């Protein structure tokens, strides 16, 4: 991972979820908020099999290493959530 990405996306600062998510994993909502893309877009990425997901029961979990790898393979400039074009 490039140093610019590491500076912008500091995975070491992620606080563990209070929902019993195993260490090293994030929920879809956490990933969406962290990399600043809508949950709906993230679900489309998962559906297209560009990002590996783990599904224990009904919950979607992502390994932090898989998120890092995805960002490295598909660089993008995150937009602010809820932003509209004027």
Foldseek 3Di string as FASTA:
>chain_A
DDPVVCVLQVPVPDDDDPPPDDPQKDFLVVLCVRQAHDSVVVVVCVVVVLADWDQDDNTTMHGPVRVVVSCVVPPDDHDHPPDDDD
